[in-house]
All heavy atoms as atom14 arrays in JSON, in Angstrom:
{
  "sequence": "MALSTPDIQKPFDLQRYFLDLLNCSGAVAETP",
  "atom14_mask": [
    [1, 1, 1, 1, 1, 1, 1, 1, 0, 0, 0, 0, 0, 0],
    [1, 1, 1, 1, 1, 0, 0, 0, 0, 0, 0, 0, 0, 0],
    [1, 1, 1, 1, 1, 1, 1, 1, 0, 0, 0, 0, 0, 0],
    [1, 1, 1, 1, 1, 1, 0, 0, 0, 0, 0, 0, 0, 0],
    [1, 1, 1, 1, 1, 1, 1, 0, 0, 0, 0, 0, 0, 0],
    [1, 1, 1, 1, 1, 1, 1, 0, 0, 0, 0, 0, 0, 0],
    [1, 1, 1, 1, 1, 1, 1, 1, 0, 0, 0, 0, 0, 0],
    [1, 1, 1, 1, 1, 1, 1, 1, 0, 0, 0, 0, 0, 0],
    [1, 1, 1, 1, 1, 1, 1, 1, 1, 0, 0, 0, 0, 0],
    [1, 1, 1, 1, 1, 1, 1, 1, 1, 0, 0, 0, 0, 0],
    [1, 1, 1, 1, 1, 1, 1, 0, 0, 0, 0, 0, 0, 0],
    [1, 1, 1, 1, 1, 1, 1, 1, 1, 1, 1, 0, 0, 0],
    [1, 1, 1, 1, 1, 1, 1, 1, 0, 0, 0, 0, 0, 0],
    [1, 1, 1, 1, 1, 1, 1, 1, 0, 0, 0, 0, 0, 0],
    [1, 1, 1, 1, 1, 1, 1, 1, 1, 0, 0, 0, 0, 0],
    [1, 1, 1, 1, 1, 1, 1, 1, 1, 1, 1, 0, 0, 0],
    [1, 1, 1, 1, 1, 1, 1, 1, 1, 1, 1, 1, 0, 0],
    [1, 1, 1, 1, 1, 1, 1, 1, 1, 1, 1, 0, 0, 0],
    [1, 1, 1, 1, 1, 1, 1, 1, 0, 0, 0, 0, 0, 0],
    [1, 1, 1, 1, 1, 1, 1, 1, 0, 0, 0, 0, 0, 0],
    [1, 1, 1, 1, 1, 1, 1, 1, 0, 0, 0, 0, 0, 0],
    [1, 1, 1, 1, 1, 1, 1, 1, 0, 0, 0, 0, 0, 0],
    [1, 1, 1, 1, 1, 1, 1, 1, 0, 0, 0, 0, 0, 0],
    [1, 1, 1, 1, 1, 1, 0, 0, 0, 0, 0, 0, 0, 0],
    [1, 1, 1, 1, 1, 1, 0, 0, 0, 0, 0, 0, 0, 0],
    [1, 1, 1, 1, 0, 0, 0, 0, 0, 0, 0, 0, 0, 0],
    [1, 1, 1, 1, 1, 0, 0, 0, 0, 0, 0, 0, 0, 0],
    [1, 1, 1, 1, 1, 1, 1, 0, 0, 0, 0, 0, 0, 0],
    [1, 1, 1, 1, 1, 0, 0, 0, 0, 0, 0, 0, 0, 0],
    [1, 1, 1, 1, 1, 1, 1, 1, 1, 0, 0, 0, 0, 0],
    [1, 1, 1, 1, 1, 1, 1, 0, 0, 0, 0, 0, 0, 0],
    [1, 1, 1, 1, 1, 1, 1, 0, 0, 0, 0, 0, 0, 0]
  ],
  "atom14_positions": [
    [[-5.89, 3.74, -13.46], [-6.58, 3.27, -14.65], [-7.76, 4.16, -14.98], [-8.11, 4.34, -16.14], [-7.06, 1.83, -14.43], [-5.93, 0.85, -14.18], [-6.52, -0.78, -13.69], [-7.44, -1.26, -15.14], [0.0, 0.0, 0.0], [0.0, 0.0, 0.0], [0.0, 0.0, 0.0], [0.0, 0.0, 0.0], [0.0, 0.0, 0.0], [0.0, 0.0, 0.0]],
    [[-8.39, 4.75, -13.97], [-9.55, 5.6, -14.22], [-9.16, 7.06, -14.38], [-9.73, 7.77, -15.18], [-10.54, 5.47, -13.07], [0.0, 0.0, 0.0], [0.0, 0.0, 0.0], [0.0, 0.0, 0.0], [0.0, 0.0, 0.0], [0.0, 0.0, 0.0], [0.0, 0.0, 0.0], [0.0, 0.0, 0.0], [0.0, 0.0, 0.0], [0.0, 0.0, 0.0]],
    [[-8.16, 7.51, -13.63], [-7.9, 8.94, -13.55], [-6.83, 9.43, -14.51], [-6.53, 10.59, -14.54], [-7.48, 9.29, -12.11], [-8.49, 8.89, -11.04], [-8.0, 9.32, -9.68], [-9.85, 9.49, -11.34], [0.0, 0.0, 0.0], [0.0, 0.0, 0.0], [0.0, 0.0, 0.0], [0.0, 0.0, 0.0], [0.0, 0.0, 0.0], [0.0, 0.0, 0.0]],
    [[-6.25, 8.51, -15.32], [-5.21, 8.95, -16.24], [-5.74, 9.19, -17.64], [-5.01, 9.61, -18.52], [-4.11, 7.88, -16.31], [-4.64, 6.66, -16.8], [0.0, 0.0, 0.0], [0.0, 0.0, 0.0], [0.0, 0.0, 0.0], [0.0, 0.0, 0.0], [0.0, 0.0, 0.0], [0.0, 0.0, 0.0], [0.0, 0.0, 0.0], [0.0, 0.0, 0.0]],
    [[-7.03, 8.93, -17.9], [-7.58, 9.14, -19.22], [-7.79, 10.61, -19.48], [-8.21, 11.36, -18.6], [-8.92, 8.39, -19.37], [-9.77, 8.79, -18.3], [-8.72, 6.89, -19.31], [0.0, 0.0, 0.0], [0.0, 0.0, 0.0], [0.0, 0.0, 0.0], [0.0, 0.0, 0.0], [0.0, 0.0, 0.0], [0.0, 0.0, 0.0], [0.0, 0.0, 0.0]],
    [[-7.53, 11.08, -20.71], [-7.67, 12.5, -21.01], [-9.1, 13.01, -20.84], [-9.32, 14.08, -20.33], [-7.21, 12.59, -22.47], [-6.4, 11.34, -22.71], [-7.01, 10.31, -21.83], [0.0, 0.0, 0.0], [0.0, 0.0, 0.0], [0.0, 0.0, 0.0], [0.0, 0.0, 0.0], [0.0, 0.0, 0.0], [0.0, 0.0, 0.0], [0.0, 0.0, 0.0]],
    [[-10.08, 12.2, -21.29], [-11.46, 12.66, -21.25], [-12.14, 12.08, -20.01], [-12.95, 11.18, -20.08], [-12.18, 12.21, -22.52], [-13.5, 12.95, -22.7], [-13.83, 13.81, -21.87], [-14.2, 12.64, -23.67], [0.0, 0.0, 0.0], [0.0, 0.0, 0.0], [0.0, 0.0, 0.0], [0.0, 0.0, 0.0], [0.0, 0.0, 0.0], [0.0, 0.0, 0.0]],
    [[-11.82, 12.61, -18.85], [-12.27, 12.01, -17.6], [-13.72, 12.32, -17.28], [-14.31, 11.7, -16.42], [-11.35, 12.47, -16.45], [-11.48, 11.54, -15.25], [-11.67, 13.91, -16.05], [-10.47, 11.8, -14.18], [0.0, 0.0, 0.0], [0.0, 0.0, 0.0], [0.0, 0.0, 0.0], [0.0, 0.0, 0.0], [0.0, 0.0, 0.0], [0.0, 0.0, 0.0]],
    [[-14.32, 13.27, -17.98], [-15.68, 13.67, -17.66], [-16.73, 12.7, -18.19], [-17.89, 12.77, -17.81], [-15.95, 15.08, -18.22], [-15.06, 16.15, -17.59], [-15.23, 16.22, -16.08], [-16.34, 16.09, -15.58], [-14.14, 16.41, -15.37], [0.0, 0.0, 0.0], [0.0, 0.0, 0.0], [0.0, 0.0, 0.0], [0.0, 0.0, 0.0], [0.0, 0.0, 0.0]],
    [[-16.37, 11.79, -19.07], [-17.34, 10.86, -19.6], [-17.74, 9.84, -18.54], [-16.88, 9.29, -17.86], [-16.76, 10.13, -20.82], [-16.62, 11.0, -22.05], [-16.15, 10.18, -23.23], [-16.05, 11.03, -24.49], [-15.61, 10.24, -25.65], [0.0, 0.0, 0.0], [0.0, 0.0, 0.0], [0.0, 0.0, 0.0], [0.0, 0.0, 0.0], [0.0, 0.0, 0.0]],
    [[-19.04, 9.55, -18.39], [-19.48, 8.54, -17.42], [-18.85, 7.18, -17.68], [-18.65, 6.4, -16.76], [-21.0, 8.51, -17.62], [-21.34, 9.85, -18.19], [-20.16, 10.23, -19.03], [0.0, 0.0, 0.0], [0.0, 0.0, 0.0], [0.0, 0.0, 0.0], [0.0, 0.0, 0.0], [0.0, 0.0, 0.0], [0.0, 0.0, 0.0], [0.0, 0.0, 0.0]],
    [[-18.51, 6.9, -18.94], [-17.91, 5.6, -19.28], [-16.62, 5.36, -18.52], [-16.31, 4.23, -18.14], [-17.65, 5.52, -20.78], [-16.9, 4.27, -21.17], [-17.56, 3.05, -21.26], [-15.54, 4.31, -21.42], [-16.87, 1.91, -21.62], [-14.85, 3.18, -21.77], [-15.52, 1.98, -21.87], [0.0, 0.0, 0.0], [0.0, 0.0, 0.0], [0.0, 0.0, 0.0]],
    [[-15.87, 6.4, -18.26], [-14.61, 6.24, -17.53], [-14.87, 5.68, -16.14], [-14.17, 4.77, -15.69], [-13.87, 7.58, -17.43], [-13.43, 8.11, -18.78], [-13.12, 7.3, -19.66], [-13.43, 9.33, -18.94], [0.0, 0.0, 0.0], [0.0, 0.0, 0.0], [0.0, 0.0, 0.0], [0.0, 0.0, 0.0], [0.0, 0.0, 0.0], [0.0, 0.0, 0.0]],
    [[-15.84, 6.21, -15.45], [-16.18, 5.72, -14.13], [-16.71, 4.29, -14.19], [-16.35, 3.44, -13.38], [-17.22, 6.62, -13.48], [-16.74, 7.99, -12.97], [-17.91, 8.74, -12.35], [-15.63, 7.82, -11.96], [0.0, 0.0, 0.0], [0.0, 0.0, 0.0], [0.0, 0.0, 0.0], [0.0, 0.0, 0.0], [0.0, 0.0, 0.0], [0.0, 0.0, 0.0]],
    [[-17.55, 4.04, -15.15], [-18.11, 2.7, -15.27], [-17.01, 1.68, -15.56], [-17.01, 0.59, -14.98], [-19.16, 2.67, -16.39], [-19.83, 1.31, -16.55], [-21.0, 1.36, -17.51], [-21.67, 2.38, -17.65], [-21.25, 0.24, -18.18], [0.0, 0.0, 0.0], [0.0, 0.0, 0.0], [0.0, 0.0, 0.0], [0.0, 0.0, 0.0], [0.0, 0.0, 0.0]],
    [[-16.07, 2.04, -16.43], [-14.98, 1.13, -16.75], [-14.12, 0.87, -15.52], [-13.69, -0.26, -15.27], [-14.11, 1.74, -17.86], [-12.94, 0.9, -18.32], [-13.43, -0.26, -19.14], [-13.56, -1.47, -18.35], [-14.27, -2.53, -18.74], [-14.93, -2.52, -19.87], [-14.33, -3.6, -17.98], [0.0, 0.0, 0.0], [0.0, 0.0, 0.0], [0.0, 0.0, 0.0]],
    [[-13.9, 1.9, -14.74], [-13.11, 1.74, -13.53], [-13.79, 0.78, -12.56], [-13.16, -0.11, -11.99], [-12.88, 3.09, -12.85], [-12.16, 2.96, -11.53], [-10.82, 2.64, -11.47], [-12.85, 3.11, -10.33], [-10.16, 2.5, -10.26], [-12.2, 2.96, -9.11], [-10.86, 2.66, -9.08], [-10.21, 2.5, -7.89], [0.0, 0.0, 0.0], [0.0, 0.0, 0.0]],
    [[-15.09, 0.97, -12.35], [-15.8, 0.1, -11.41], [-15.85, -1.34, -11.91], [-15.72, -2.28, -11.12], [-17.21, 0.63, -11.17], [-17.29, 1.57, -9.99], [-16.94, 2.89, -10.11], [-17.71, 1.1, -8.75], [-17.01, 3.76, -9.03], [-17.77, 1.95, -7.66], [-17.43, 3.29, -7.79], [0.0, 0.0, 0.0], [0.0, 0.0, 0.0], [0.0, 0.0, 0.0]],
    [[-16.01, -1.54, -13.2], [-16.01, -2.89, -13.73], [-14.66, -3.57, -13.51], [-14.58, -4.73, -13.12], [-16.35, -2.88, -15.23], [-17.83, -2.64, -15.57], [-17.99, -2.43, -17.07], [-18.68, -3.83, -15.11], [0.0, 0.0, 0.0], [0.0, 0.0, 0.0], [0.0, 0.0, 0.0], [0.0, 0.0, 0.0], [0.0, 0.0, 0.0], [0.0, 0.0, 0.0]],
    [[-13.57, -2.82, -13.76], [-12.23, -3.36, -13.51], [-12.02, -3.65, -12.04], [-11.46, -4.68, -11.66], [-11.16, -2.39, -14.02], [-11.12, -2.29, -15.53], [-11.64, -3.22, -16.19], [-10.59, -1.3, -16.05], [0.0, 0.0, 0.0], [0.0, 0.0, 0.0], [0.0, 0.0, 0.0], [0.0, 0.0, 0.0], [0.0, 0.0, 0.0], [0.0, 0.0, 0.0]],
    [[-12.47, -2.72, -11.2], [-12.3, -2.88, -9.76], [-13.05, -4.11, -9.26], [-12.51, -4.93, -8.5], [-12.8, -1.62, -9.04], [-12.78, -1.66, -7.51], [-11.35, -1.68, -6.99], [-13.54, -0.46, -6.95], [0.0, 0.0, 0.0], [0.0, 0.0, 0.0], [0.0, 0.0, 0.0], [0.0, 0.0, 0.0], [0.0, 0.0, 0.0], [0.0, 0.0, 0.0]],
    [[-14.29, -4.25, -9.68], [-15.09, -5.38, -9.24], [-14.52, -6.7, -9.75], [-14.49, -7.71, -9.03], [-16.53, -5.21, -9.71], [-17.28, -4.02, -9.11], [-18.64, -3.85, -9.77], [-17.44, -4.17, -7.6], [0.0, 0.0, 0.0], [0.0, 0.0, 0.0], [0.0, 0.0, 0.0], [0.0, 0.0, 0.0], [0.0, 0.0, 0.0], [0.0, 0.0, 0.0]],
    [[-14.05, -6.69, -10.98], [-13.46, -7.9, -11.55], [-12.21, -8.32, -10.78], [-12.02, -9.5, -10.47], [-13.12, -7.67, -13.02], [-12.5, -8.89, -13.66], [-13.05, -9.98, -13.62], [-11.34, -8.71, -14.26], [0.0, 0.0, 0.0], [0.0, 0.0, 0.0], [0.0, 0.0, 0.0], [0.0, 0.0, 0.0], [0.0, 0.0, 0.0], [0.0, 0.0, 0.0]],
    [[-11.36, -7.35, -10.45], [-10.12, -7.65, -9.74], [-10.38, -8.1, -8.3], [-9.55, -8.8, -7.72], [-9.2, -6.42, -9.73], [-8.57, -5.98, -11.35], [0.0, 0.0, 0.0], [0.0, 0.0, 0.0], [0.0, 0.0, 0.0], [0.0, 0.0, 0.0], [0.0, 0.0, 0.0], [0.0, 0.0, 0.0], [0.0, 0.0, 0.0], [0.0, 0.0, 0.0]],
    [[-11.51, -7.7, -7.73], [-11.8, -8.06, -6.35], [-12.59, -9.36, -6.25], [-12.99, -9.76, -5.15], [-12.56, -6.94, -5.65], [-13.83, -6.75, -6.26], [0.0, 0.0, 0.0], [0.0, 0.0, 0.0], [0.0, 0.0, 0.0], [0.0, 0.0, 0.0], [0.0, 0.0, 0.0], [0.0, 0.0, 0.0], [0.0, 0.0, 0.0], [0.0, 0.0, 0.0]],
    [[-12.82, -10.0, -7.38], [-13.52, -11.28, -7.37], [-15.02, -11.2, -7.44], [-15.71, -12.22, -7.29], [0.0, 0.0, 0.0], [0.0, 0.0, 0.0], [0.0, 0.0, 0.0], [0.0, 0.0, 0.0], [0.0, 0.0, 0.0], [0.0, 0.0, 0.0], [0.0, 0.0, 0.0], [0.0, 0.0, 0.0], [0.0, 0.0, 0.0], [0.0, 0.0, 0.0]],
    [[-15.57, -10.02, -7.71], [-17.02, -9.88, -7.81], [-17.49, -10.35, -9.19], [-16.71, -10.46, -10.14], [-17.43, -8.42, -7.61], [0.0, 0.0, 0.0], [0.0, 0.0, 0.0], [0.0, 0.0, 0.0], [0.0, 0.0, 0.0], [0.0, 0.0, 0.0], [0.0, 0.0, 0.0], [0.0, 0.0, 0.0], [0.0, 0.0, 0.0], [0.0, 0.0, 0.0]],
    [[-18.78, -10.64, -9.28], [-19.41, -10.98, -10.56], [-20.23, -9.78, -10.99], [-21.18, -9.39, -10.3], [-20.3, -12.23, -10.43], [-20.98, -12.54, -11.75], [-19.48, -13.42, -9.95], [0.0, 0.0, 0.0], [0.0, 0.0, 0.0], [0.0, 0.0, 0.0], [0.0, 0.0, 0.0], [0.0, 0.0, 0.0], [0.0, 0.0, 0.0], [0.0, 0.0, 0.0]],
    [[-19.86, -9.18, -12.11], [-20.52, -7.95, -12.55], [-20.96, -8.06, -14.0], [-20.3, -8.7, -14.82], [-19.58, -6.74, -12.38], [0.0, 0.0, 0.0], [0.0, 0.0, 0.0], [0.0, 0.0, 0.0], [0.0, 0.0, 0.0], [0.0, 0.0, 0.0], [0.0, 0.0, 0.0], [0.0, 0.0, 0.0], [0.0, 0.0, 0.0], [0.0, 0.0, 0.0]],
    [[-22.1, -7.44, -14.3], [-22.58, -7.38, -15.67], [-23.27, -6.05, -15.89], [-23.59, -5.33, -14.94], [-23.52, -8.53, -15.97], [-24.75, -8.58, -15.09], [-25.65, -9.76, -15.41], [-25.19, -10.69, -16.1], [-26.81, -9.74, -14.97], [0.0, 0.0, 0.0], [0.0, 0.0, 0.0], [0.0, 0.0, 0.0], [0.0, 0.0, 0.0], [0.0, 0.0, 0.0]],
    [[-23.49, -5.71, -17.17], [-24.13, -4.44, -17.52], [-25.49, -4.72, -18.15], [-25.57, -4.94, -19.36], [-23.24, -3.64, -18.49], [-22.91, -4.48, -19.62], [-21.94, -3.23, -17.81], [0.0, 0.0, 0.0], [0.0, 0.0, 0.0], [0.0, 0.0, 0.0], [0.0, 0.0, 0.0], [0.0, 0.0, 0.0], [0.0, 0.0, 0.0], [0.0, 0.0, 0.0]],
    [[-26.56, -4.72, -17.35], [-27.89, -5.06, -17.89], [-28.51, -3.97, -18.75], [-29.52, -4.2, -19.42], [-28.72, -5.29, -16.62], [-28.05, -4.45, -15.58], [-26.58, -4.47, -15.91], [0.0, 0.0, 0.0], [0.0, 0.0, 0.0], [0.0, 0.0, 0.0], [0.0, 0.0, 0.0], [0.0, 0.0, 0.0], [0.0, 0.0, 0.0], [0.0, 0.0, 0.0]]
  ]
}
């Protein structure tokens, strides 16, 4: 999900991956 995007250098890609990862693992995450 994170490494297949064409524009992988954007920080948003990493942030999106971590949000998905945390959500799938049952964590509570927000972007303050």
